[in-house]
Every structure is written in C-alpha cells, then in structure tokens.
C-alpha cells in the first residue's frame, strides 16, 4: 500500500539545499564577472547588463 501523506523536508534539510543553491548562484555570478559580464537591477527593476 502506498503512503498517502506528503513527504516534507525538515527545516535543516530545506536550509541545506537553500545554502547549496545560493552558493551555486554565487559561483555562476563570479564566473560571468571573470569574463567581464556584470549585471544589476536599476531603480525601476530593470536588469542592466554590462560587458567590458
């Protein structure tokens, strides 16, 4: 018989995955920056990309 209750991660498991995703995002930003590509949000929430 299949279990019908949903499988929810613990807060610690959720936090660990969240940290891993944030770390991966930082590495991606660093990689693009090393290629001379940077980006930022403008005051009106538009993405401004600069290539050096």
N, C-alpha and C. Protein backbone atom coordinates (compact mmCIF):
# COMPACT_ATOMS: atom_id res chain seq x y z
N UNK A 1 0.83 -1.17 0.00
CA UNK A 1 0.00 0.00 0.00
C UNK A 1 0.89 1.24 0.00
N UNK A 2 0.50 2.23 -0.79
CA UNK A 2 1.26 3.47 -0.86
C UNK A 2 0.89 4.41 0.27
N UNK A 3 1.89 5.12 0.74
CA UNK A 3 1.68 6.11 1.79
C UNK A 3 1.04 7.35 1.15
N UNK A 4 -0.01 7.85 1.74
CA UNK A 4 -0.72 8.98 1.14
C UNK A 4 -0.31 10.34 1.69
N UNK A 5 0.46 10.37 2.76
CA UNK A 5 0.86 11.66 3.31
C UNK A 5 2.07 12.20 2.54
N UNK A 6 2.14 13.51 2.33
CA UNK A 6 3.26 14.09 1.58
C UNK A 6 4.56 14.00 2.37
N UNK A 7 5.66 13.92 1.63
CA UNK A 7 6.98 13.88 2.26
C UNK A 7 7.51 15.31 2.29
N UNK A 8 7.64 15.86 3.46
CA UNK A 8 8.14 17.22 3.62
C UNK A 8 9.53 17.19 4.23
N UNK A 9 10.45 17.99 3.67
CA UNK A 9 11.79 18.01 4.26
C UNK A 9 11.77 18.70 5.62
N UNK A 10 12.75 18.34 6.43
CA UNK A 10 12.90 19.04 7.70
C UNK A 10 13.43 20.44 7.41
N UNK A 11 13.35 21.31 8.39
CA UNK A 11 13.87 22.66 8.22
C UNK A 11 15.37 22.63 7.93
N UNK A 12 16.10 21.74 8.58
CA UNK A 12 17.54 21.62 8.35
C UNK A 12 17.84 21.17 6.92
N UNK A 13 17.06 20.22 6.40
CA UNK A 13 17.26 19.76 5.02
C UNK A 13 16.95 20.89 4.03
N UNK A 14 15.86 21.60 4.28
CA UNK A 14 15.49 22.72 3.41
C UNK A 14 16.59 23.78 3.41
N UNK A 15 17.10 24.11 4.61
CA UNK A 15 18.14 25.13 4.74
C UNK A 15 19.42 24.70 4.02
N UNK A 16 19.77 23.43 4.10
CA UNK A 16 20.98 22.93 3.44
C UNK A 16 20.87 23.06 1.92
N UNK A 17 19.72 22.73 1.38
CA UNK A 17 19.51 22.86 -0.07
C UNK A 17 19.52 24.33 -0.46
N UNK A 18 18.90 25.18 0.34
CA UNK A 18 18.88 26.61 0.06
C UNK A 18 20.29 27.18 0.03
N UNK A 19 21.13 26.80 1.00
CA UNK A 19 22.53 27.26 1.03
C UNK A 19 23.28 26.77 -0.19
N UNK A 20 23.08 25.52 -0.58
CA UNK A 20 23.77 24.97 -1.75
C UNK A 20 23.38 25.72 -3.02
N UNK A 21 22.10 26.04 -3.16
CA UNK A 21 21.66 26.79 -4.34
C UNK A 21 22.21 28.20 -4.35
N UNK A 22 22.26 28.85 -3.19
CA UNK A 22 22.83 30.20 -3.12
C UNK A 22 24.32 30.18 -3.45
N UNK A 23 25.04 29.17 -2.95
CA UNK A 23 26.47 29.04 -3.26
C UNK A 23 26.69 28.84 -4.76
N UNK A 24 25.86 28.00 -5.37
CA UNK A 24 25.99 27.76 -6.81
C UNK A 24 25.73 29.06 -7.58
N UNK A 25 24.74 29.82 -7.15
CA UNK A 25 24.45 31.10 -7.79
C UNK A 25 25.61 32.07 -7.69
N UNK A 26 26.25 32.11 -6.52
CA UNK A 26 27.41 32.99 -6.35
C UNK A 26 28.55 32.59 -7.28
N UNK A 27 28.76 31.28 -7.45
CA UNK A 27 29.82 30.81 -8.34
C UNK A 27 29.52 31.17 -9.79
N UNK A 28 28.25 31.10 -10.18
CA UNK A 28 27.87 31.48 -11.54
C UNK A 28 28.11 32.97 -11.76
N UNK A 29 27.74 33.80 -10.79
CA UNK A 29 27.97 35.25 -10.89
C UNK A 29 29.47 35.53 -10.99
N UNK A 30 30.28 34.86 -10.19
CA UNK A 30 31.73 35.05 -10.23
C UNK A 30 32.30 34.64 -11.59
N UNK A 31 31.79 33.55 -12.16
CA UNK A 31 32.27 33.10 -13.46
C UNK A 31 31.98 34.14 -14.54
N UNK A 32 30.74 34.66 -14.56
CA UNK A 32 30.40 35.69 -15.54
C UNK A 32 31.24 36.94 -15.33
N UNK A 33 31.45 37.32 -14.09
CA UNK A 33 32.26 38.51 -13.79
C UNK A 33 33.69 38.33 -14.29
N UNK A 34 34.22 37.12 -14.17
CA UNK A 34 35.59 36.87 -14.64
C UNK A 34 35.68 37.01 -16.16
N UNK A 35 34.56 36.88 -16.86
CA UNK A 35 34.51 37.07 -18.31
C UNK A 35 34.18 38.51 -18.69
N UNK A 36 34.03 39.38 -17.69
CA UNK A 36 33.76 40.79 -17.95
C UNK A 36 32.29 41.13 -18.04
N UNK A 37 31.41 40.23 -17.63
CA UNK A 37 29.97 40.47 -17.71
C UNK A 37 29.43 40.72 -16.29
N UNK A 38 28.80 41.86 -16.10
CA UNK A 38 28.18 42.17 -14.81
C UNK A 38 26.74 42.61 -15.06
N UNK A 39 25.94 42.55 -14.01
CA UNK A 39 24.54 42.96 -14.13
C UNK A 39 24.08 43.53 -12.80
N UNK A 40 23.07 44.38 -12.90
CA UNK A 40 22.46 44.94 -11.69
C UNK A 40 21.03 45.33 -12.02
N UNK A 41 20.21 45.47 -10.98
CA UNK A 41 18.85 45.96 -11.16
C UNK A 41 18.86 47.47 -11.07
N UNK A 42 18.13 48.10 -11.97
CA UNK A 42 18.00 49.56 -11.94
C UNK A 42 16.93 49.94 -10.93
N UNK A 43 16.78 51.24 -10.70
CA UNK A 43 15.77 51.72 -9.75
C UNK A 43 14.36 51.31 -10.13
N UNK A 44 14.12 51.14 -11.45
CA UNK A 44 12.78 50.73 -11.89
C UNK A 44 12.69 49.22 -12.15
N UNK A 45 13.57 48.47 -11.49
CA UNK A 45 13.55 46.99 -11.51
C UNK A 45 13.85 46.37 -12.86
N UNK A 46 14.60 47.09 -13.70
CA UNK A 46 15.05 46.55 -14.98
C UNK A 46 16.45 45.95 -14.80
N UNK A 47 16.77 44.95 -15.57
CA UNK A 47 18.10 44.34 -15.50
C UNK A 47 19.04 45.08 -16.45
N UNK A 48 20.12 45.61 -15.90
CA UNK A 48 21.14 46.29 -16.68
C UNK A 48 22.36 45.38 -16.75
N UNK A 49 22.75 44.99 -17.97
CA UNK A 49 23.89 44.09 -18.16
C UNK A 49 25.01 44.90 -18.84
N UNK A 50 26.21 44.76 -18.31
CA UNK A 50 27.37 45.46 -18.85
C UNK A 50 28.42 44.42 -19.25
N UNK A 51 28.99 44.61 -20.43
CA UNK A 51 30.06 43.72 -20.91
C UNK A 51 31.30 44.57 -21.12
N UNK A 52 32.36 44.22 -20.41
CA UNK A 52 33.61 45.01 -20.50
C UNK A 52 34.56 44.39 -21.50
